[in-house]
Amino acid sequence: MTTGTKHTVTAFDDDMDEIRGLIAEMGARAETAVVAALKALNEHDEELAIRTRAEDKTIDNLETEVEKLVVRTIALRAPMADDLRELIAALKISAVIERIGDYAKNIAKRVPQMEGKIPPEAMVQLGRMGEIVVEMIRTAMDAYAKSDVDLARAVTVRDDAVDQLNKDLFVDFVAYVVKNPKNAAEVAHLLFTAKNLERIGDHTTTVAQMIYFTETGENLPDA
């Protein structure tokens, strides 16, 4: 708990409210970017892919703002104990969300190279992966806003499903290439897309673990 004068406490709370607001915006934009990237891939919408890639710059700028505010708050408020832990967690969480935005951008980059040649069954599985990671992002940000360790724990449990889908897709894609060698390039892009989604799941899990640590001072136990 923050100690010091009422003015100092109020100033720190105001700083944290601003930082939390920026991180909430980053999470919402990252979630939207993942949804848009997959929609662009599924519909071969190159204009949407371009907009999704451009959106990544906004997420990058928000991360920079969080970093500046955290450094300023540490310098001016000299927080201790739990307050310092929350500030450091905010710094790390913003960096992880920025990486999620990067992965969404990477998916969008592959849209022009696909030429609309995506096996329908592949998009069903990729779509399922996308639904889970988007749900994970949304739940993680809800956990952050509410300081809810149960929601944070729920995020980490969902990551197992993403990992399994990624493994299943790899096997299915390899089998598909054996039967359709002319489409090997397109399948390679889909494999990279699946890997990007898997990494988004991993990064969202990291956010959940940071939330748990911030609230409890302990590492989140394995599910």
C-alpha atoms as a PDB file:
ATOM      1  CA  MET A   1       0.000   0.000   0.000  1.00  0.00           C
ATOM      2  CA  THR A   2       1.230   3.483  -0.825  1.00  0.00           C
ATOM      3  CA  THR A   3       2.499   5.520   2.127  1.00  0.00           C
ATOM      4  CA  GLY A   4       3.027   9.264   2.301  1.00  0.00           C
ATOM      5  CA  THR A   5       0.945  12.418   2.249  1.00  0.00           C
ATOM      6  CA  LYS A   6      -2.595  12.460   0.956  1.00  0.00           C
ATOM      7  CA  HIS A   7      -1.391  14.504  -2.017  1.00  0.00           C
ATOM      8  CA  THR A   8       1.271  11.930  -2.868  1.00  0.00           C
ATOM      9  CA  VAL A   9      -1.171   9.044  -2.555  1.00  0.00           C
ATOM     10  CA  THR A  10      -3.731  10.783  -4.755  1.00  0.00           C
ATOM     11  CA  ALA A  11      -1.090  11.644  -7.348  1.00  0.00           C
ATOM     12  CA  PHE A  12       0.093   8.038  -7.444  1.00  0.00           C
ATOM     13  CA  ASP A  13      -3.480   6.773  -7.851  1.00  0.00           C
ATOM     14  CA  ASP A  14      -4.030   9.218 -10.715  1.00  0.00           C
ATOM     15  CA  ASP A  15      -0.843   8.008 -12.407  1.00  0.00           C
ATOM     16  CA  MET A  16      -1.888   4.373 -12.038  1.00  0.00           C
ATOM     17  CA  ASP A  17      -5.352   5.108 -13.421  1.00  0.00           C
ATOM     18  CA  GLU A  18      -3.753   6.635 -16.504  1.00  0.00           C
ATOM     19  CA  ILE A  19      -1.364   3.701 -16.925  1.00  0.00           C
ATOM     20  CA  ARG A  20      -4.170   1.164 -16.517  1.00  0.00           C
ATOM     21  CA  GLY A  21      -6.244   3.063 -19.063  1.00  0.00           C
ATOM     22  CA  LEU A  22      -3.442   2.966 -21.630  1.00  0.00           C
ATOM     23  CA  ILE A  23      -2.884  -0.753 -21.083  1.00  0.00           C
ATOM     24  CA  ALA A  24      -6.622  -1.399 -21.426  1.00  0.00           C
ATOM     25  CA  GLU A  25      -6.565   0.453 -24.747  1.00  0.00           C
ATOM     26  CA  MET A  26      -3.533  -1.544 -25.880  1.00  0.00           C
ATOM     27  CA  GLY A  27      -5.305  -4.806 -25.030  1.00  0.00           C
ATOM     28  CA  ALA A  28      -8.468  -3.802 -26.869  1.00  0.00           C
ATOM     29  CA  ARG A  29      -6.502  -2.768 -29.947  1.00  0.00           C
ATOM     30  CA  ALA A  30      -4.430  -5.959 -29.896  1.00  0.00           C
ATOM     31  CA  GLU A  31      -7.584  -8.052 -29.667  1.00  0.00           C
ATOM     32  CA  THR A  32      -9.138  -6.156 -32.583  1.00  0.00           C
ATOM     33  CA  ALA A  33      -5.941  -6.572 -34.614  1.00  0.00           C
ATOM     34  CA  VAL A  34      -5.956 -10.359 -34.202  1.00  0.00           C
ATOM     35  CA  VAL A  35      -9.609 -10.562 -35.252  1.00  0.00           C
ATOM     36  CA  ALA A  36      -9.000  -8.294 -38.240  1.00  0.00           C
ATOM     37  CA  ALA A  37      -5.871 -10.155 -39.366  1.00  0.00           C
ATOM     38  CA  LEU A  38      -7.705 -13.486 -39.413  1.00  0.00           C
ATOM     39  CA  LYS A  39     -10.705 -11.955 -41.173  1.00  0.00           C
ATOM     40  CA  ALA A  40      -8.394 -10.472 -43.803  1.00  0.00           C
ATOM     41  CA  LEU A  41      -6.734 -13.860 -44.272  1.00  0.00           C
ATOM     42  CA  ASN A  42     -10.021 -15.740 -44.504  1.00  0.00           C
ATOM     43  CA  GLU A  43     -11.569 -13.287 -46.961  1.00  0.00           C
ATOM     44  CA  HIS A  44      -8.332 -12.396 -48.756  1.00  0.00           C
ATOM     45  CA  ASP A  45      -9.054  -8.748 -47.940  1.00  0.00           C
ATOM     46  CA  GLU A  46      -5.832  -6.929 -48.712  1.00  0.00           C
ATOM     47  CA  GLU A  47      -7.177  -3.511 -47.720  1.00  0.00           C
ATOM     48  CA  LEU A  48      -8.129  -4.807 -44.273  1.00  0.00           C
ATOM     49  CA  ALA A  49      -4.691  -6.407 -44.010  1.00  0.00           C
ATOM     50  CA  ILE A  50      -3.045  -3.051 -44.752  1.00  0.00           C
ATOM     51  CA  ARG A  51      -5.153  -1.294 -42.120  1.00  0.00           C
ATOM     52  CA  THR A  52      -4.347  -4.006 -39.594  1.00  0.00           C
ATOM     53  CA  ARG A  53      -0.622  -3.632 -40.217  1.00  0.00           C
ATOM     54  CA  ALA A  54      -0.882   0.144 -39.852  1.00  0.00           C
ATOM     55  CA  GLU A  55      -2.728  -0.219 -36.547  1.00  0.00           C
ATOM     56  CA  ASP A  56       0.354  -1.835 -35.038  1.00  0.00           C
ATOM     57  CA  LYS A  57       2.022   1.574 -34.937  1.00  0.00           C
ATOM     58  CA  THR A  58      -0.679   2.862 -32.608  1.00  0.00           C
ATOM     59  CA  ILE A  59      -0.071  -0.040 -30.225  1.00  0.00           C
ATOM     60  CA  ASP A  60       3.671   0.671 -30.352  1.00  0.00           C
ATOM     61  CA  ASN A  61       3.054   4.321 -29.479  1.00  0.00           C
ATOM     62  CA  LEU A  62       0.830   3.364 -26.555  1.00  0.00           C
ATOM     63  CA  GLU A  63       3.561   1.122 -25.186  1.00  0.00           C
ATOM     64  CA  THR A  64       5.972   4.052 -25.364  1.00  0.00           C
ATOM     65  CA  GLU A  65       3.496   6.182 -23.409  1.00  0.00           C
ATOM     66  CA  VAL A  66       3.170   3.504 -20.732  1.00  0.00           C
ATOM     67  CA  GLU A  67       6.930   3.259 -20.426  1.00  0.00           C
ATOM     68  CA  LYS A  68       7.272   7.031 -20.018  1.00  0.00           C
ATOM     69  CA  LEU A  69       4.520   7.176 -17.401  1.00  0.00           C
ATOM     70  CA  VAL A  70       5.934   4.269 -15.397  1.00  0.00           C
ATOM     71  CA  VAL A  71       9.404   5.801 -15.342  1.00  0.00           C
ATOM     72  CA  ARG A  72       7.977   9.195 -14.382  1.00  0.00           C
ATOM     73  CA  THR A  73       5.831   7.714 -11.624  1.00  0.00           C
ATOM     74  CA  ILE A  74       8.745   5.796 -10.136  1.00  0.00           C
ATOM     75  CA  ALA A  75      10.897   8.923 -10.231  1.00  0.00           C
ATOM     76  CA  LEU A  76       8.323  11.308  -8.762  1.00  0.00           C
ATOM     77  CA  ARG A  77       6.362   9.089  -6.348  1.00  0.00           C
ATOM     78  CA  ALA A  78       9.119   6.759  -5.100  1.00  0.00           C
ATOM     79  CA  PRO A  79       6.653   3.853  -4.711  1.00  0.00           C
ATOM     80  CA  MET A  80       7.442   0.954  -2.433  1.00  0.00           C
ATOM     81  CA  ALA A  81       6.416  -2.703  -2.107  1.00  0.00           C
ATOM     82  CA  ASP A  82       3.096  -3.517  -3.790  1.00  0.00           C
ATOM     83  CA  ASP A  83       2.914  -0.220  -5.675  1.00  0.00           C
ATOM     84  CA  LEU A  84       6.331  -0.723  -7.217  1.00  0.00           C
ATOM     85  CA  ARG A  85       5.430  -4.289  -8.145  1.00  0.00           C
ATOM     86  CA  GLU A  86       2.313  -3.051  -9.942  1.00  0.00           C
ATOM     87  CA  LEU A  87       4.306  -0.463 -11.870  1.00  0.00           C
ATOM     88  CA  ILE A  88       6.906  -2.977 -12.990  1.00  0.00           C
ATOM     89  CA  ALA A  89       4.143  -5.402 -13.978  1.00  0.00           C
ATOM     90  CA  ALA A  90       2.463  -2.665 -16.029  1.00  0.00           C
ATOM     91  CA  LEU A  91       5.730  -2.038 -17.838  1.00  0.00           C
ATOM     92  CA  LYS A  92       6.140  -5.731 -18.643  1.00  0.00           C
ATOM     93  CA  ILE A  93       2.490  -6.253 -19.581  1.00  0.00           C
ATOM     94  CA  SER A  94       2.555  -3.381 -22.052  1.00  0.00           C
ATOM     95  CA  ALA A  95       5.656  -4.874 -23.693  1.00  0.00           C
ATOM     96  CA  VAL A  96       3.949  -8.261 -24.027  1.00  0.00           C
ATOM     97  CA  ILE A  97       0.789  -6.727 -25.522  1.00  0.00           C
ATOM     98  CA  GLU A  98       2.976  -4.891 -28.021  1.00  0.00           C
ATOM     99  CA  ARG A  99       4.355  -8.256 -29.113  1.00  0.00           C
ATOM    100  CA  ILE A 100       0.805  -9.584 -29.550  1.00  0.00           C
ATOM    101  CA  GLY A 101       0.204  -6.673 -31.907  1.00  0.00           C
ATOM    102  CA  ASP A 102       3.342  -7.648 -33.806  1.00  0.00           C
ATOM    103  CA  TYR A 103       2.074 -11.185 -34.298  1.00  0.00           C
ATOM    104  CA  ALA A 104      -1.260  -9.876 -35.605  1.00  0.00           C
ATOM    105  CA  LYS A 105       0.687  -7.701 -38.038  1.00  0.00           C
ATOM    106  CA  ASN A 106       2.707 -10.725 -39.137  1.00  0.00           C
ATOM    107  CA  ILE A 107      -0.492 -12.619 -39.940  1.00  0.00           C
ATOM    108  CA  ALA A 108      -1.803  -9.663 -41.926  1.00  0.00           C
ATOM    109  CA  LYS A 109       1.453  -9.503 -43.893  1.00  0.00           C
ATOM    110  CA  ARG A 110       0.757 -12.948 -45.335  1.00  0.00           C
ATOM    111  CA  VAL A 111      -2.607 -12.011 -46.852  1.00  0.00           C
ATOM    112  CA  PRO A 112      -1.252 -10.687 -50.194  1.00  0.00           C
ATOM    113  CA  GLN A 113       0.902 -13.797 -50.588  1.00  0.00           C
ATOM    114  CA  MET A 114      -1.951 -16.258 -50.180  1.00  0.00           C
ATOM    115  CA  GLU A 115      -3.832 -15.388 -53.384  1.00  0.00           C
ATOM    116  CA  GLY A 116      -6.994 -16.666 -51.738  1.00  0.00           C
ATOM    117  CA  LYS A 117      -5.820 -20.287 -51.922  1.00  0.00           C
ATOM    118  CA  ILE A 118      -6.692 -21.556 -48.469  1.00  0.00           C
ATOM    119  CA  PRO A 119      -8.169 -25.020 -47.876  1.00  0.00           C
ATOM    120  CA  PRO A 120     -11.572 -24.431 -46.218  1.00  0.00           C
ATOM    121  CA  GLU A 121     -10.852 -26.983 -43.493  1.00  0.00           C
ATOM    122  CA  ALA A 122      -7.625 -25.128 -42.660  1.00  0.00           C
ATOM    123  CA  MET A 123      -9.472 -21.882 -42.001  1.00  0.00           C
ATOM    124  CA  VAL A 124     -11.938 -23.712 -39.759  1.00  0.00           C
ATOM    125  CA  GLN A 125      -9.081 -24.869 -37.536  1.00  0.00           C
ATOM    126  CA  LEU A 126      -7.219 -21.566 -37.706  1.00  0.00           C
ATOM    127  CA  GLY A 127     -10.481 -19.819 -36.932  1.00  0.00           C
ATOM    128  CA  ARG A 128     -10.903 -21.969 -33.838  1.00  0.00           C
ATOM    129  CA  MET A 129      -7.392 -21.103 -32.694  1.00  0.00           C
ATOM    130  CA  GLY A 130      -8.171 -17.459 -33.299  1.00  0.00           C
ATOM    131  CA  GLU A 131     -11.380 -17.619 -31.279  1.00  0.00           C
ATOM    132  CA  ILE A 132      -9.539 -19.087 -28.308  1.00  0.00           C
ATOM    133  CA  VAL A 133      -6.651 -16.610 -28.315  1.00  0.00           C
ATOM    134  CA  VAL A 134      -9.046 -13.677 -28.693  1.00  0.00           C
ATOM    135  CA  GLU A 135     -11.036 -15.025 -25.745  1.00  0.00           C
ATOM    136  CA  MET A 136      -7.773 -15.335 -23.813  1.00  0.00           C
ATOM    137  CA  ILE A 137      -6.791 -11.730 -24.565  1.00  0.00           C
ATOM    138  CA  ARG A 138     -10.226 -10.467 -23.537  1.00  0.00           C
ATOM    139  CA  THR A 139     -10.181 -12.488 -20.309  1.00  0.00           C
ATOM    140  CA  ALA A 140      -6.641 -11.401 -19.469  1.00  0.00           C
ATOM    141  CA  MET A 141      -7.533  -7.739 -19.882  1.00  0.00           C
ATOM    142  CA  ASP A 142     -10.658  -8.267 -17.785  1.00  0.00           C
ATOM    143  CA  ALA A 143      -8.461  -9.886 -15.128  1.00  0.00           C
ATOM    144  CA  TYR A 144      -6.137  -6.876 -15.255  1.00  0.00           C
ATOM    145  CA  ALA A 145      -8.976  -4.370 -14.931  1.00  0.00           C
ATOM    146  CA  LYS A 146     -10.555  -6.252 -12.022  1.00  0.00           C
ATOM    147  CA  SER A 147      -7.321  -7.503 -10.384  1.00  0.00           C
ATOM    148  CA  ASP A 148      -8.957 -10.913 -10.563  1.00  0.00           C
ATOM    149  CA  VAL A 149      -6.596 -13.857 -10.010  1.00  0.00           C
ATOM    150  CA  ASP A 150      -9.269 -16.420 -10.894  1.00  0.00           C
ATOM    151  CA  LEU A 151      -9.691 -14.903 -14.337  1.00  0.00           C
ATOM    152  CA  ALA A 152      -5.921 -14.823 -14.720  1.00  0.00           C
ATOM    153  CA  ARG A 153      -5.759 -18.524 -13.880  1.00  0.00           C
ATOM    154  CA  ALA A 154      -8.515 -19.272 -16.423  1.00  0.00           C
ATOM    155  CA  VAL A 155      -6.395 -17.727 -19.177  1.00  0.00           C
ATOM    156  CA  THR A 156      -3.492 -20.088 -18.569  1.00  0.00           C
ATOM    157  CA  VAL A 157      -5.772 -23.134 -18.734  1.00  0.00           C
ATOM    158  CA  ARG A 158      -6.981 -22.160 -22.219  1.00  0.00           C
ATOM    159  CA  ASP A 159      -3.444 -22.050 -23.567  1.00  0.00           C
ATOM    160  CA  ASP A 160      -3.285 -25.857 -23.580  1.00  0.00           C
ATOM    161  CA  ALA A 161      -6.072 -25.959 -26.179  1.00  0.00           C
ATOM    162  CA  VAL A 162      -4.190 -23.518 -28.416  1.00  0.00           C
ATOM    163  CA  ASP A 163      -1.020 -25.595 -28.182  1.00  0.00           C
ATOM    164  CA  GLN A 164      -2.908 -28.773 -29.097  1.00  0.00           C
ATOM    165  CA  LEU A 165      -4.611 -27.135 -32.075  1.00  0.00           C
ATOM    166  CA  ASN A 166      -1.240 -25.928 -33.317  1.00  0.00           C
ATOM    167  CA  LYS A 167       0.121 -29.485 -33.152  1.00  0.00           C
ATOM    168  CA  ASP A 168      -2.946 -30.886 -34.907  1.00  0.00           C
ATOM    169  CA  LEU A 169      -2.698 -28.276 -37.655  1.00  0.00           C
ATOM    170  CA  PHE A 170       0.934 -29.105 -38.285  1.00  0.00           C
ATOM    171  CA  VAL A 171       0.070 -32.769 -38.849  1.00  0.00           C
ATOM    172  CA  ASP A 172      -2.903 -31.892 -41.063  1.00  0.00           C
ATOM    173  CA  PHE A 173      -0.930 -29.392 -43.133  1.00  0.00           C
ATOM    174  CA  VAL A 174       1.904 -31.833 -43.744  1.00  0.00           C
ATOM    175  CA  ALA A 175      -0.612 -34.436 -44.914  1.00  0.00           C
ATOM    176  CA  TYR A 176      -2.245 -31.854 -47.165  1.00  0.00           C
ATOM    177  CA  VAL A 177       1.062 -30.925 -48.810  1.00  0.00           C
ATOM    178  CA  VAL A 178       1.781 -34.576 -49.561  1.00  0.00           C
ATOM    179  CA  LYS A 179      -1.453 -34.720 -51.559  1.00  0.00           C
ATOM    180  CA  ASN A 180      -1.228 -31.159 -52.950  1.00  0.00           C
ATOM    181  CA  PRO A 181       2.490 -30.349 -53.432  1.00  0.00           C
ATOM    182  CA  LYS A 182       1.686 -27.391 -55.703  1.00  0.00           C
ATOM    183  CA  ASN A 183       0.159 -25.600 -52.704  1.00  0.00           C
ATOM    184  CA  ALA A 184       3.221 -26.002 -50.470  1.00  0.00           C
ATOM    185  CA  ALA A 185       3.913 -22.243 -50.398  1.00  0.00           C
ATOM    186  CA  GLU A 186       0.400 -21.423 -49.231  1.00  0.00           C
ATOM    187  CA  VAL A 187       0.565 -24.118 -46.558  1.00  0.00           C
ATOM    188  CA  ALA A 188       3.849 -22.694 -45.311  1.00  0.00           C
ATOM    189  CA  HIS A 189       2.117 -19.345 -44.763  1.00  0.00           C
ATOM    190  CA  LEU A 190      -0.671 -21.107 -42.878  1.00  0.00           C
ATOM    191  CA  LEU A 191       1.852 -22.885 -40.679  1.00  0.00           C
ATOM    192  CA  PHE A 192       3.427 -19.539 -39.829  1.00  0.00           C
ATOM    193  CA  THR A 193      -0.032 -18.147 -39.097  1.00  0.00           C
ATOM    194  CA  ALA A 194      -0.770 -21.035 -36.722  1.00  0.00           C
ATOM    195  CA  LYS A 195       2.583 -20.489 -35.026  1.00  0.00           C
ATOM    196  CA  ASN A 196       1.836 -16.785 -34.624  1.00  0.00           C
ATOM    197  CA  LEU A 197      -1.489 -17.639 -32.975  1.00  0.00           C
ATOM    198  CA  GLU A 198       0.263 -20.108 -30.697  1.00  0.00           C
ATOM    199  CA  ARG A 199       2.733 -17.405 -29.687  1.00  0.00           C
ATOM    200  CA  ILE A 200      -0.130 -14.983 -29.021  1.00  0.00           C
ATOM    201  CA  GLY A 201      -1.557 -17.595 -26.670  1.00  0.00           C
ATOM    202  CA  ASP A 202       1.826 -17.896 -24.931  1.00  0.00           C
ATOM    203  CA  HIS A 203       2.162 -14.129 -24.547  1.00  0.00           C
ATOM    204  CA  THR A 204      -1.376 -13.783 -23.217  1.00  0.00           C
ATOM    205  CA  THR A 205      -0.563 -16.471 -20.677  1.00  0.00           C
ATOM    206  CA  THR A 206       2.457 -14.416 -19.647  1.00  0.00           C
ATOM    207  CA  VAL A 207       0.182 -11.422 -19.062  1.00  0.00           C
ATOM    208  CA  ALA A 208      -2.061 -13.581 -16.863  1.00  0.00           C
ATOM    209  CA  GLN A 209       0.926 -14.815 -14.876  1.00  0.00           C
ATOM    210  CA  MET A 210       2.071 -11.232 -14.302  1.00  0.00           C
ATOM    211  CA  ILE A 211      -1.385 -10.255 -13.082  1.00  0.00           C
ATOM    212  CA  TYR A 212      -1.403 -13.171 -10.660  1.00  0.00           C
ATOM    213  CA  PHE A 213       2.046 -12.259  -9.346  1.00  0.00           C
ATOM    214  CA  THR A 214       1.108  -8.603  -8.958  1.00  0.00           C
ATOM    215  CA  GLU A 215      -1.921  -9.463  -6.857  1.00  0.00           C
ATOM    216  CA  THR A 216      -0.430 -12.263  -4.752  1.00  0.00           C
ATOM    217  CA  GLY A 217       3.330 -11.822  -4.798  1.00  0.00           C
ATOM    218  CA  GLU A 218       3.563 -15.479  -5.842  1.00  0.00           C
ATOM    219  CA  ASN A 219       4.042 -17.273  -9.137  1.00  0.00           C
ATOM    220  CA  LEU A 220       0.954 -18.788 -10.681  1.00  0.00           C
ATOM    221  CA  PRO A 221       1.045 -22.550  -9.988  1.00  0.00           C
ATOM    222  CA  ASP A 222       0.865 -24.923 -12.948  1.00  0.00           C
ATOM    223  CA  ALA A 223      -2.629 -25.914 -13.942  1.00  0.00           C
END
